[in-house]
N, C-alpha and C. Protein backbone atom coordinates (compact mmCIF):
# COMPACT_ATOMS: atom_id res chain seq x y z
N MET A 1 11.83 -1.51 -6.39
CA MET A 1 11.64 -1.47 -4.92
C MET A 1 10.43 -1.60 -4.32
N SER A 2 10.13 -1.24 -3.00
CA SER A 2 8.53 -1.33 -2.88
C SER A 2 8.91 -0.17 -0.93
N THR A 3 8.32 0.36 -0.46
CA THR A 3 8.27 1.53 0.26
C THR A 3 7.93 1.07 1.82
N PRO A 4 8.64 1.26 2.74
CA PRO A 4 8.66 -0.15 3.84
C PRO A 4 7.04 0.81 3.80
N SER A 5 5.80 0.17 4.62
CA SER A 5 4.81 0.30 5.38
C SER A 5 4.56 1.49 6.11
N TRP A 6 5.61 1.87 7.04
CA TRP A 6 5.56 3.19 7.98
C TRP A 6 5.81 4.13 6.99
N LEU A 7 6.71 4.45 6.22
CA LEU A 7 7.22 5.39 5.38
C LEU A 7 5.23 5.69 3.98
N ASP A 8 4.42 4.49 4.24
CA ASP A 8 3.24 4.56 3.17
C ASP A 8 2.63 6.22 4.19
N ILE A 9 2.24 5.89 5.68
CA ILE A 9 1.40 6.43 6.01
C ILE A 9 2.28 7.71 6.30
N LEU A 10 3.57 8.32 6.09
CA LEU A 10 4.04 10.00 6.07
C LEU A 10 4.28 10.94 4.83
N ILE A 11 4.53 10.06 3.83
CA ILE A 11 4.15 10.77 2.84
C ILE A 11 2.90 10.65 2.50
N PRO A 12 2.27 11.74 2.33
CA PRO A 12 1.12 11.70 1.04
C PRO A 12 1.81 11.60 -1.04
N ARG A 13 0.98 10.68 -1.26
CA ARG A 13 1.63 10.15 -2.48
C ARG A 13 0.72 9.91 -3.71
N PHE A 14 0.49 9.75 -5.42
CA PHE A 14 -0.23 8.83 -5.95
C PHE A 14 0.29 7.89 -5.89
N ILE A 15 -0.80 6.52 -5.71
CA ILE A 15 -0.16 5.10 -5.80
C ILE A 15 -0.85 4.72 -7.19
N THR A 16 0.25 3.95 -7.62
CA THR A 16 -0.10 2.65 -8.72
C THR A 16 0.46 1.23 -8.54
N GLU A 17 -1.47 0.06 -9.05
CA GLU A 17 -0.52 -1.29 -8.43
C GLU A 17 -1.05 -2.05 -8.68
N ASP A 18 -1.36 -3.79 -9.03
CA ASP A 18 -2.32 -3.99 -9.33
C ASP A 18 -3.46 -4.76 -8.60
N ALA A 19 -4.36 -4.87 -8.81
CA ALA A 19 -5.25 -5.84 -7.67
C ALA A 19 -6.40 -6.29 -8.82
N ALA A 20 -5.94 -7.47 -7.03
CA ALA A 20 -7.15 -8.96 -8.53
C ALA A 20 -8.18 -8.18 -8.25
N ALA A 21 -9.45 -8.36 -8.72
CA ALA A 21 -10.71 -8.07 -8.66
C ALA A 21 -11.90 -9.02 -9.92
N ASN A 22 -13.18 -8.81 -8.81
CA ASN A 22 -14.44 -9.31 -9.06
C ASN A 22 -15.81 -8.95 -10.49
N VAL A 23 -15.58 -9.44 -11.22
CA VAL A 23 -16.67 -9.53 -12.10
C VAL A 23 -17.51 -8.50 -11.60
N THR A 24 -18.70 -7.94 -11.49
CA THR A 24 -20.00 -7.83 -11.26
C THR A 24 -20.81 -7.54 -12.14
N TYR A 25 -22.44 -7.88 -12.35
CA TYR A 25 -23.28 -7.42 -13.65
C TYR A 25 -24.35 -6.56 -12.82
N CYS A 26 -24.48 -5.06 -13.45
CA CYS A 26 -25.54 -5.10 -12.95
C CYS A 26 -27.32 -5.37 -13.98
N GLY A 27 -28.19 -4.63 -12.92
CA GLY A 27 -29.12 -5.62 -13.78
C GLY A 27 -29.22 -4.16 -14.96
N HIS A 28 -29.27 -3.49 -14.74
CA HIS A 28 -29.46 -2.15 -15.93
C HIS A 28 -29.26 -2.08 -17.21
N CYS A 29 -28.01 -2.69 -17.50
CA CYS A 29 -27.06 -2.99 -18.33
C CYS A 29 -26.22 -3.32 -18.67
N ASP A 30 -26.03 -5.09 -18.23
CA ASP A 30 -26.40 -6.18 -18.72
C ASP A 30 -24.47 -5.81 -19.50
N LEU A 31 -23.48 -5.55 -18.90
CA LEU A 31 -22.08 -5.30 -19.30
C LEU A 31 -21.79 -5.67 -18.05
N PRO A 32 -20.54 -6.42 -18.13
CA PRO A 32 -19.65 -6.86 -16.95
C PRO A 32 -19.07 -5.34 -16.23
N HIS A 33 -18.73 -5.25 -14.76
CA HIS A 33 -18.17 -3.84 -14.04
C HIS A 33 -17.07 -4.56 -13.26
N PRO A 34 -15.84 -4.75 -13.44
CA PRO A 34 -15.01 -5.38 -12.92
C PRO A 34 -14.65 -3.90 -10.99
N GLN A 35 -14.44 -4.82 -10.83
CA GLN A 35 -14.90 -4.31 -9.10
C GLN A 35 -13.33 -4.71 -8.47
N PRO A 36 -12.06 -3.87 -7.83
CA PRO A 36 -11.14 -4.97 -7.49
C PRO A 36 -11.27 -5.24 -5.78
N VAL A 37 -10.55 -6.24 -5.64
CA VAL A 37 -11.41 -6.30 -4.26
C VAL A 37 -9.93 -6.52 -3.04
N MET A 38 -8.72 -6.85 -3.32
CA MET A 38 -6.92 -6.89 -2.26
C MET A 38 -6.08 -6.23 -3.96
N PRO A 39 -5.46 -5.50 -2.74
CA PRO A 39 -3.91 -6.04 -3.83
C PRO A 39 -3.13 -7.01 -4.13
N MET A 40 -2.42 -7.38 -5.34
CA MET A 40 -2.03 -8.75 -5.61
C MET A 40 -0.98 -8.64 -4.58
N SER A 41 -0.44 -8.23 -3.40
CA SER A 41 0.68 -8.32 -2.59
C SER A 41 0.07 -8.46 -1.66
N ASN A 42 -1.59 -8.80 -1.06
CA ASN A 42 -1.39 -9.49 -0.09
C ASN A 42 -2.55 -11.27 -0.15
N VAL A 43 -2.45 -11.25 -1.98
CA VAL A 43 -2.77 -12.76 -2.70
C VAL A 43 -2.20 -13.90 -1.64
N GLU A 44 -3.31 -14.70 -1.17
CA GLU A 44 -2.60 -16.44 -1.07
C GLU A 44 -2.31 -16.88 -1.63
N PRO A 45 -1.60 -18.09 -2.01
CA PRO A 45 -2.03 -19.25 -1.97
C PRO A 45 -3.28 -20.03 -2.80
N GLY A 46 -3.49 -20.11 -3.68
CA GLY A 46 -4.96 -20.68 -3.97
C GLY A 46 -5.77 -19.84 -3.91
N ASN A 47 -6.00 -18.65 -4.03
CA ASN A 47 -7.10 -17.99 -3.98
C ASN A 47 -7.27 -17.87 -5.83
N VAL A 48 -8.43 -17.86 -5.48
CA VAL A 48 -8.76 -17.29 -7.60
C VAL A 48 -9.71 -16.27 -7.52
N PHE A 49 -9.53 -14.88 -8.08
CA PHE A 49 -10.72 -14.18 -8.66
C PHE A 49 -10.86 -14.30 -10.27
N ASP A 50 -11.51 -13.99 -10.92
CA ASP A 50 -11.35 -12.98 -12.56
C ASP A 50 -10.57 -12.57 -13.09
N GLY A 51 -9.77 -11.54 -12.56
CA GLY A 51 -8.67 -10.75 -12.69
C GLY A 51 -7.82 -10.18 -12.35
N ILE A 52 -7.22 -9.33 -13.06
CA ILE A 52 -6.15 -8.25 -12.92
C ILE A 52 -6.53 -7.15 -13.11
N ILE A 53 -6.62 -5.91 -12.52
CA ILE A 53 -7.07 -4.85 -13.10
C ILE A 53 -5.56 -3.50 -12.39
N THR A 54 -5.47 -2.96 -12.79
CA THR A 54 -4.99 -1.52 -12.61
C THR A 54 -5.74 -0.25 -11.78
N VAL A 55 -4.85 -0.64 -10.22
CA VAL A 55 -5.87 0.89 -9.50
C VAL A 55 -4.60 1.83 -10.07
N ARG A 56 -5.26 2.97 -9.39
CA ARG A 56 -4.27 4.07 -9.58
C ARG A 56 -5.12 4.88 -8.17
N TYR A 57 -3.88 5.59 -6.76
CA TYR A 57 -5.34 5.94 -5.91
C TYR A 57 -4.45 7.03 -4.98
N PHE A 58 -5.10 7.52 -4.05
CA PHE A 58 -3.72 9.26 -3.60
C PHE A 58 -3.84 8.24 -1.85
N ASN A 59 -2.97 8.09 -1.99
CA ASN A 59 -2.41 7.12 -0.12
C ASN A 59 -2.52 9.21 1.05
N LEU A 60 -3.20 8.58 1.67
CA LEU A 60 -2.79 9.51 2.71
C LEU A 60 -3.03 9.16 4.07
N PHE A 61 -2.25 9.50 4.56
CA PHE A 61 -2.09 8.56 5.97
C PHE A 61 -2.41 7.02 6.01
N GLY A 62 -2.32 6.54 5.05
CA GLY A 62 -2.79 5.75 4.62
C GLY A 62 -3.91 5.61 4.10
N SER A 63 -4.45 5.45 3.69
CA SER A 63 -5.84 5.85 3.43
C SER A 63 -5.82 6.49 1.97
N ALA A 64 -6.74 5.02 1.23
CA ALA A 64 -6.67 5.03 -0.15
C ALA A 64 -7.69 6.06 -0.81
N LEU A 65 -7.63 7.08 -0.97
CA LEU A 65 -8.22 8.07 -2.05
C LEU A 65 -7.69 8.31 -3.40
N PHE A 66 -9.64 8.67 -3.66
CA PHE A 66 -9.86 9.34 -4.84
C PHE A 66 -9.25 7.12 -6.24
N MET A 67 -9.96 7.03 -5.53
CA MET A 67 -9.42 5.68 -7.19
C MET A 67 -10.41 5.25 -7.48
N ARG A 68 -9.05 5.20 -9.05
CA ARG A 68 -9.20 4.94 -9.87
C ARG A 68 -9.13 3.33 -10.73
N TRP A 69 -10.39 2.99 -11.68
CA TRP A 69 -9.16 1.51 -12.61
C TRP A 69 -9.31 1.40 -13.91
N ASN A 70 -9.03 0.80 -14.14
CA ASN A 70 -8.81 0.52 -15.74
C ASN A 70 -10.26 -0.57 -15.73
N THR A 71 -10.41 -0.49 -16.69
CA THR A 71 -12.03 -1.25 -16.95
C THR A 71 -11.14 -2.38 -17.45
N ALA A 72 -10.11 -2.51 -18.41
CA ALA A 72 -9.91 -3.22 -19.44
C ALA A 72 -8.94 -4.65 -18.33
N MET A 73 -9.54 -5.50 -17.87
CA MET A 73 -9.07 -6.38 -16.88
C MET A 73 -8.46 -7.77 -18.37
N ARG A 74 -7.08 -8.21 -17.02
CA ARG A 74 -6.12 -8.96 -17.89
C ARG A 74 -6.49 -10.62 -16.76
N PRO A 75 -6.30 -11.65 -17.42
CA PRO A 75 -6.64 -12.68 -16.89
C PRO A 75 -5.71 -13.12 -15.29
N TRP A 76 -6.11 -14.06 -14.91
CA TRP A 76 -5.60 -14.38 -13.63
C TRP A 76 -4.74 -15.09 -13.79
N VAL A 77 -3.93 -14.90 -12.76
CA VAL A 77 -2.43 -15.47 -12.91
C VAL A 77 -2.46 -15.38 -11.04
N ASN A 78 -2.28 -16.54 -10.55
CA ASN A 78 -1.84 -15.98 -9.06
C ASN A 78 -0.39 -16.29 -9.16
N PRO A 79 0.52 -14.99 -8.52
CA PRO A 79 2.01 -14.97 -8.40
C PRO A 79 2.16 -16.21 -7.82
N HIS A 80 1.28 -16.82 -6.80
CA HIS A 80 2.48 -18.13 -5.61
C HIS A 80 2.55 -19.53 -7.09
N ASP A 81 1.86 -19.40 -7.90
CA ASP A 81 1.40 -20.96 -8.21
C ASP A 81 2.59 -21.18 -8.94
N LYS A 82 3.02 -22.08 -8.93
CA LYS A 82 4.02 -22.37 -9.60
C LYS A 82 4.00 -22.56 -11.58
N ALA A 83 5.25 -22.46 -12.64
CA ALA A 83 4.86 -22.20 -14.09
C ALA A 83 4.67 -23.30 -13.77
N LYS A 84 3.45 -24.02 -15.24
CA LYS A 84 3.36 -25.37 -15.27
C LYS A 84 4.48 -25.57 -17.33
N THR A 85 5.41 -26.53 -16.55
CA THR A 85 5.92 -26.41 -17.38
C THR A 85 6.00 -27.99 -18.59
């Protein structure tokens, strides 16, 4: 069950959700660093990203504060694509 958007603005709380992510490589360590791009609820049909990560943040008046994400990425699956049988 999801809360209405107007209620998200009024109630400060911690939120955990999945987000689409792209991988960037920094120049000094050559390791992949996933960066969240948008929540999975905003993904449209045909969008393609590198993977999915779990993001946790504190929601205060509709702003995401103190964002943290898990570096373990799951494979990308667009929720709007139909399953191939």
